[in-house]
Amino acid sequence: MISLELARVARAGAMWRTTWRVRSDDERKRTLISAHAPHVRFRSAPTAIGRPLTRDLEFTLDVRTDGAPGPLDTNPFLILVVRDDDATWRLLYRLRVTIGDDGMPHAAVGPVTTQRA
């Protein structure tokens, strides 16, 4: 299993620099290829990562938030593309995102769906 959590958020100009922590609970050799947050109100550009997915890996995405403070009314998600020995996979993590009064996003990670890429 590969878990995901939002570790830190900091202002980065007009964007928010989100630092995500990915954890693998086994010793399988995997590579985190890329990450992307495609939601219209919680959006990042597709970001190449290309790093071995060890037990504890952090990466950053600069996201743009849009709209009024409060919870997003639709289900945003974060997509990780991961390669292992057998195949390349898309992991779609559902997020519960709330936008603070200052525009800062707060995200809790929900269920994950896995698709062969």
N, C-alpha and C. Protein backbone atom coordinates (compact mmCIF):
# COMPACT_ATOMS: atom_id res chain seq x y z
N MET A 1 0.83 -1.17 0.00
CA MET A 1 0.00 0.00 0.00
C MET A 1 0.88 1.24 0.00
N ILE A 2 0.44 2.26 -0.69
CA ILE A 2 1.14 3.54 -0.75
C ILE A 2 0.21 4.60 -0.18
N SER A 3 0.62 5.22 0.91
CA SER A 3 -0.22 6.24 1.55
C SER A 3 0.30 7.63 1.20
N LEU A 4 -0.58 8.61 1.32
CA LEU A 4 -0.28 9.99 0.96
C LEU A 4 -0.84 10.90 2.03
N GLU A 5 -0.08 11.94 2.38
CA GLU A 5 -0.59 12.96 3.30
C GLU A 5 0.03 14.30 2.96
N LEU A 6 -0.71 15.36 3.24
CA LEU A 6 -0.21 16.71 3.07
C LEU A 6 0.63 17.04 4.30
N ALA A 7 1.91 17.33 4.07
CA ALA A 7 2.83 17.58 5.19
C ALA A 7 2.92 19.07 5.56
N ARG A 8 3.01 19.93 4.54
CA ARG A 8 3.18 21.37 4.79
C ARG A 8 2.59 22.17 3.64
N VAL A 9 2.22 23.42 3.95
CA VAL A 9 1.74 24.37 2.94
C VAL A 9 2.38 25.71 3.24
N ALA A 10 2.90 26.38 2.20
CA ALA A 10 3.50 27.71 2.37
C ALA A 10 3.19 28.54 1.13
N ARG A 11 3.08 29.83 1.33
CA ARG A 11 2.82 30.75 0.21
C ARG A 11 4.02 30.71 -0.73
N ALA A 12 3.75 30.71 -2.05
CA ALA A 12 4.80 30.74 -3.08
C ALA A 12 4.34 31.71 -4.17
N GLY A 13 4.47 33.00 -3.91
CA GLY A 13 3.97 34.01 -4.84
C GLY A 13 2.44 33.96 -4.87
N ALA A 14 1.87 33.82 -6.07
CA ALA A 14 0.42 33.73 -6.21
C ALA A 14 -0.09 32.31 -5.99
N MET A 15 0.81 31.37 -5.75
CA MET A 15 0.46 29.96 -5.60
C MET A 15 0.70 29.53 -4.14
N TRP A 16 0.40 28.27 -3.88
CA TRP A 16 0.70 27.65 -2.59
C TRP A 16 1.61 26.46 -2.84
N ARG A 17 2.74 26.42 -2.15
CA ARG A 17 3.66 25.28 -2.26
C ARG A 17 3.21 24.23 -1.26
N THR A 18 2.70 23.13 -1.80
CA THR A 18 2.25 22.02 -0.96
C THR A 18 3.33 20.95 -0.95
N THR A 19 3.66 20.49 0.22
CA THR A 19 4.63 19.40 0.36
C THR A 19 3.85 18.17 0.79
N TRP A 20 4.00 17.12 -0.01
CA TRP A 20 3.28 15.87 0.21
C TRP A 20 4.25 14.80 0.66
N ARG A 21 3.78 13.92 1.56
CA ARG A 21 4.59 12.80 2.03
C ARG A 21 3.93 11.51 1.53
N VAL A 22 4.72 10.71 0.85
CA VAL A 22 4.25 9.41 0.34
C VAL A 22 4.99 8.34 1.13
N ARG A 23 4.23 7.34 1.57
CA ARG A 23 4.83 6.23 2.32
C ARG A 23 4.46 4.91 1.67
N SER A 24 5.47 4.05 1.54
CA SER A 24 5.25 2.70 1.04
C SER A 24 5.41 1.75 2.21
N ASP A 25 4.48 0.81 2.35
CA ASP A 25 4.55 -0.09 3.50
C ASP A 25 5.24 -1.41 3.17
N ASP A 26 5.90 -1.49 2.04
CA ASP A 26 6.63 -2.72 1.70
C ASP A 26 7.96 -2.36 1.04
N GLU A 27 8.71 -3.35 0.66
CA GLU A 27 10.05 -3.15 0.10
C GLU A 27 10.10 -3.23 -1.44
N ARG A 28 8.93 -3.26 -2.10
CA ARG A 28 8.93 -3.34 -3.56
C ARG A 28 9.64 -2.15 -4.16
N LYS A 29 10.36 -2.39 -5.26
CA LYS A 29 11.04 -1.31 -5.96
C LYS A 29 10.03 -0.56 -6.81
N ARG A 30 9.86 0.71 -6.49
CA ARG A 30 8.94 1.57 -7.23
C ARG A 30 9.61 2.91 -7.48
N THR A 31 9.14 3.60 -8.53
CA THR A 31 9.59 4.95 -8.83
C THR A 31 8.37 5.85 -8.93
N LEU A 32 8.40 6.98 -8.23
CA LEU A 32 7.35 7.98 -8.36
C LEU A 32 7.70 8.82 -9.58
N ILE A 33 6.94 8.64 -10.65
CA ILE A 33 7.22 9.29 -11.93
C ILE A 33 6.76 10.74 -11.93
N SER A 34 5.50 10.98 -11.52
CA SER A 34 4.97 12.34 -11.58
C SER A 34 3.79 12.49 -10.64
N ALA A 35 3.37 13.75 -10.46
CA ALA A 35 2.20 14.08 -9.64
C ALA A 35 1.46 15.23 -10.31
N HIS A 36 0.13 15.28 -10.07
CA HIS A 36 -0.69 16.30 -10.73
C HIS A 36 -1.99 16.47 -9.94
N ALA A 37 -2.38 17.71 -9.71
CA ALA A 37 -3.67 18.02 -9.10
C ALA A 37 -4.50 18.76 -10.16
N PRO A 38 -5.43 18.08 -10.84
CA PRO A 38 -6.10 18.69 -11.99
C PRO A 38 -7.40 19.44 -11.69
N HIS A 39 -7.83 19.53 -10.43
CA HIS A 39 -9.11 20.17 -10.12
C HIS A 39 -9.08 21.66 -10.43
N VAL A 40 -10.18 22.21 -10.90
CA VAL A 40 -10.24 23.61 -11.30
C VAL A 40 -9.97 24.56 -10.13
N ARG A 41 -10.35 24.20 -8.90
CA ARG A 41 -10.12 25.07 -7.74
C ARG A 41 -8.94 24.64 -6.88
N PHE A 42 -8.27 23.57 -7.28
CA PHE A 42 -7.07 23.08 -6.57
C PHE A 42 -6.20 22.44 -7.65
N ARG A 43 -5.43 23.28 -8.35
CA ARG A 43 -4.77 22.85 -9.58
C ARG A 43 -3.26 23.05 -9.53
N SER A 44 -2.56 22.03 -10.03
CA SER A 44 -1.12 22.15 -10.24
C SER A 44 -0.82 21.70 -11.66
N ALA A 45 0.30 22.13 -12.15
CA ALA A 45 0.78 21.60 -13.43
C ALA A 45 1.26 20.18 -13.19
N PRO A 46 1.19 19.32 -14.21
CA PRO A 46 1.82 18.00 -14.07
C PRO A 46 3.30 18.20 -13.74
N THR A 47 3.77 17.51 -12.72
CA THR A 47 5.12 17.72 -12.21
C THR A 47 5.91 16.42 -12.25
N ALA A 48 7.02 16.42 -13.00
CA ALA A 48 7.89 15.25 -13.06
C ALA A 48 8.64 15.12 -11.75
N ILE A 49 8.73 13.90 -11.22
CA ILE A 49 9.45 13.66 -9.97
C ILE A 49 10.60 12.70 -10.21
N GLY A 50 10.33 11.52 -10.73
CA GLY A 50 11.38 10.59 -11.12
C GLY A 50 12.32 10.17 -10.00
N ARG A 51 11.77 9.88 -8.82
CA ARG A 51 12.59 9.47 -7.68
C ARG A 51 12.14 8.12 -7.16
N PRO A 52 13.07 7.33 -6.64
CA PRO A 52 12.69 6.05 -6.05
C PRO A 52 11.71 6.28 -4.89
N LEU A 53 10.68 5.47 -4.86
CA LEU A 53 9.69 5.56 -3.80
C LEU A 53 10.13 4.64 -2.68
N THR A 54 10.77 5.26 -1.71
CA THR A 54 11.24 4.53 -0.54
C THR A 54 10.14 4.56 0.52
N ARG A 55 10.45 4.14 1.70
CA ARG A 55 9.45 4.13 2.77
C ARG A 55 8.85 5.51 3.05
N ASP A 56 9.62 6.57 2.87
CA ASP A 56 9.16 7.92 3.19
C ASP A 56 9.75 8.89 2.18
N LEU A 57 8.92 9.45 1.31
CA LEU A 57 9.38 10.36 0.26
C LEU A 57 8.53 11.62 0.31
N GLU A 58 9.16 12.78 0.21
CA GLU A 58 8.42 14.03 0.13
C GLU A 58 8.66 14.67 -1.23
N PHE A 59 7.61 15.32 -1.75
CA PHE A 59 7.72 16.08 -3.00
C PHE A 59 6.82 17.30 -2.88
N THR A 60 7.06 18.30 -3.72
CA THR A 60 6.26 19.52 -3.67
C THR A 60 5.49 19.72 -4.97
N LEU A 61 4.34 20.32 -4.82
CA LEU A 61 3.53 20.78 -5.95
C LEU A 61 3.11 22.21 -5.64
N ASP A 62 3.25 23.10 -6.61
CA ASP A 62 2.73 24.45 -6.47
C ASP A 62 1.31 24.44 -7.01
N VAL A 63 0.35 24.73 -6.13
CA VAL A 63 -1.06 24.68 -6.52
C VAL A 63 -1.67 26.07 -6.49
N ARG A 64 -2.65 26.25 -7.35
CA ARG A 64 -3.44 27.47 -7.38
C ARG A 64 -4.80 27.13 -6.79
N THR A 65 -5.26 27.96 -5.85
CA THR A 65 -6.60 27.80 -5.31
C THR A 65 -7.45 28.91 -5.88
N ASP A 66 -8.73 28.63 -6.03
CA ASP A 66 -9.62 29.57 -6.68
C ASP A 66 -10.97 29.52 -6.00
N GLY A 67 -11.53 30.67 -5.72
CA GLY A 67 -12.87 30.69 -5.17
C GLY A 67 -12.91 31.16 -3.73
N ALA A 68 -14.11 31.11 -3.18
CA ALA A 68 -14.36 31.60 -1.83
C ALA A 68 -13.83 30.63 -0.79
N PRO A 69 -13.53 31.15 0.40
CA PRO A 69 -13.12 30.26 1.49
C PRO A 69 -14.21 29.25 1.81
N GLY A 70 -13.79 28.11 2.30
CA GLY A 70 -14.71 27.04 2.68
C GLY A 70 -14.37 25.76 1.95
N PRO A 71 -15.16 24.72 2.17
CA PRO A 71 -14.88 23.43 1.53
C PRO A 71 -15.18 23.49 0.04
N LEU A 72 -14.40 22.78 -0.74
CA LEU A 72 -14.69 22.66 -2.17
C LEU A 72 -15.94 21.81 -2.33
N ASP A 73 -16.79 22.22 -3.24
CA ASP A 73 -18.07 21.53 -3.40
C ASP A 73 -18.00 20.32 -4.33
N THR A 74 -16.87 20.10 -4.95
CA THR A 74 -16.67 18.91 -5.77
C THR A 74 -15.46 18.16 -5.24
N ASN A 75 -15.24 16.97 -5.73
CA ASN A 75 -14.18 16.11 -5.19
C ASN A 75 -12.87 16.28 -5.95
N PRO A 76 -11.96 17.08 -5.43
CA PRO A 76 -10.65 17.16 -6.08
C PRO A 76 -9.86 15.89 -5.80
N PHE A 77 -8.83 15.68 -6.59
CA PHE A 77 -7.96 14.53 -6.36
C PHE A 77 -6.55 14.86 -6.78
N LEU A 78 -5.62 14.05 -6.32
CA LEU A 78 -4.21 14.16 -6.67
C LEU A 78 -3.84 12.85 -7.36
N ILE A 79 -3.20 12.96 -8.51
CA ILE A 79 -2.81 11.78 -9.28
C ILE A 79 -1.31 11.56 -9.14
N LEU A 80 -0.93 10.38 -8.70
CA LEU A 80 0.47 9.96 -8.71
C LEU A 80 0.64 8.91 -9.80
N VAL A 81 1.71 9.03 -10.56
CA VAL A 81 2.06 7.99 -11.53
C VAL A 81 3.28 7.28 -10.96
N VAL A 82 3.12 5.96 -10.77
CA VAL A 82 4.14 5.13 -10.11
C VAL A 82 4.49 3.96 -11.02
N ARG A 83 5.77 3.68 -11.14
CA ARG A 83 6.22 2.52 -11.91
C ARG A 83 6.83 1.51 -10.96
N ASP A 84 6.46 0.23 -11.16
CA ASP A 84 7.13 -0.84 -10.42
C ASP A 84 7.71 -1.81 -11.46
N ASP A 85 8.15 -2.97 -11.01
CA ASP A 85 8.78 -3.92 -11.93
C ASP A 85 7.82 -4.41 -13.01
N ASP A 86 6.53 -4.45 -12.70
CA ASP A 86 5.55 -5.05 -13.61
C ASP A 86 4.86 -4.07 -14.53
N ALA A 87 4.60 -2.85 -14.07
CA ALA A 87 3.76 -1.95 -14.85
C ALA A 87 3.88 -0.52 -14.33
N THR A 88 3.20 0.38 -15.03
CA THR A 88 3.05 1.76 -14.59
C THR A 88 1.60 1.94 -14.16
N TRP A 89 1.41 2.62 -13.02
CA TRP A 89 0.10 2.76 -12.41
C TRP A 89 -0.22 4.23 -12.17
N ARG A 90 -1.52 4.56 -12.26
CA ARG A 90 -2.03 5.86 -11.84
C ARG A 90 -2.77 5.63 -10.53
N LEU A 91 -2.37 6.37 -9.50
CA LEU A 91 -3.04 6.31 -8.20
C LEU A 91 -3.80 7.61 -8.04
N LEU A 92 -5.12 7.54 -7.96
CA LEU A 92 -5.98 8.71 -7.85
C LEU A 92 -6.47 8.82 -6.41
N TYR A 93 -5.90 9.78 -5.68
CA TYR A 93 -6.26 9.99 -4.27
C TYR A 93 -7.33 11.08 -4.19
N ARG A 94 -8.49 10.73 -3.66
CA ARG A 94 -9.54 11.72 -3.42
C ARG A 94 -9.10 12.61 -2.27
N LEU A 95 -9.38 13.91 -2.40
CA LEU A 95 -9.02 14.88 -1.37
C LEU A 95 -10.26 15.58 -0.86
N ARG A 96 -10.24 15.93 0.40
CA ARG A 96 -11.23 16.83 0.98
C ARG A 96 -10.48 18.13 1.25
N VAL A 97 -10.74 19.13 0.42
CA VAL A 97 -9.99 20.39 0.49
C VAL A 97 -10.89 21.50 1.01
N THR A 98 -10.37 22.23 1.97
CA THR A 98 -11.03 23.43 2.48
C THR A 98 -10.07 24.59 2.24
N ILE A 99 -10.63 25.69 1.72
CA ILE A 99 -9.83 26.90 1.47
C ILE A 99 -10.03 27.82 2.66
N GLY A 100 -8.90 28.23 3.29
CA GLY A 100 -8.96 29.13 4.43
C GLY A 100 -9.29 30.55 4.01
N ASP A 101 -9.56 31.41 4.97
CA ASP A 101 -9.89 32.81 4.69
C ASP A 101 -8.76 33.51 3.94
N ASP A 102 -7.53 33.06 4.15
CA ASP A 102 -6.37 33.65 3.47
C ASP A 102 -6.07 32.96 2.13
N GLY A 103 -6.92 32.02 1.71
CA GLY A 103 -6.70 31.30 0.46
C GLY A 103 -5.89 30.03 0.60
N MET A 104 -5.34 29.79 1.81
CA MET A 104 -4.50 28.61 2.03
C MET A 104 -5.35 27.34 1.96
N PRO A 105 -4.89 26.36 1.17
CA PRO A 105 -5.62 25.09 1.11
C PRO A 105 -5.24 24.18 2.29
N HIS A 106 -6.25 23.49 2.80
CA HIS A 106 -6.07 22.46 3.82
C HIS A 106 -6.67 21.20 3.22
N ALA A 107 -5.90 20.12 3.14
CA ALA A 107 -6.37 18.91 2.46
C ALA A 107 -6.22 17.69 3.36
N ALA A 108 -7.27 16.88 3.34
CA ALA A 108 -7.24 15.56 3.97
C ALA A 108 -7.39 14.54 2.85
N VAL A 109 -6.61 13.49 2.92
CA VAL A 109 -6.60 12.48 1.87
C VAL A 109 -7.64 11.42 2.18
N GLY A 110 -8.44 11.10 1.15
CA GLY A 110 -9.49 10.08 1.28
C GLY A 110 -9.09 8.82 0.54
N PRO A 111 -10.09 8.12 -0.03
CA PRO A 111 -9.83 6.85 -0.69
C PRO A 111 -8.97 7.00 -1.95
N VAL A 112 -8.32 5.91 -2.33
CA VAL A 112 -7.48 5.89 -3.52
C VAL A 112 -8.03 4.86 -4.50
N THR A 113 -7.97 5.21 -5.79
CA THR A 113 -8.33 4.31 -6.87
C THR A 113 -7.07 4.08 -7.69
N THR A 114 -6.84 2.84 -8.09
CA THR A 114 -5.65 2.48 -8.85
C THR A 114 -6.04 2.06 -10.25
N GLN A 115 -5.30 2.60 -11.25
CA GLN A 115 -5.54 2.25 -12.65
C GLN A 115 -4.21 1.94 -13.31
N ARG A 116 -4.18 0.93 -14.14
CA ARG A 116 -2.98 0.66 -14.92
C ARG A 116 -2.87 1.76 -15.97
N ALA A 117 -1.68 2.36 -16.07
CA ALA A 117 -1.48 3.49 -17.00
C ALA A 117 -1.21 2.99 -18.41
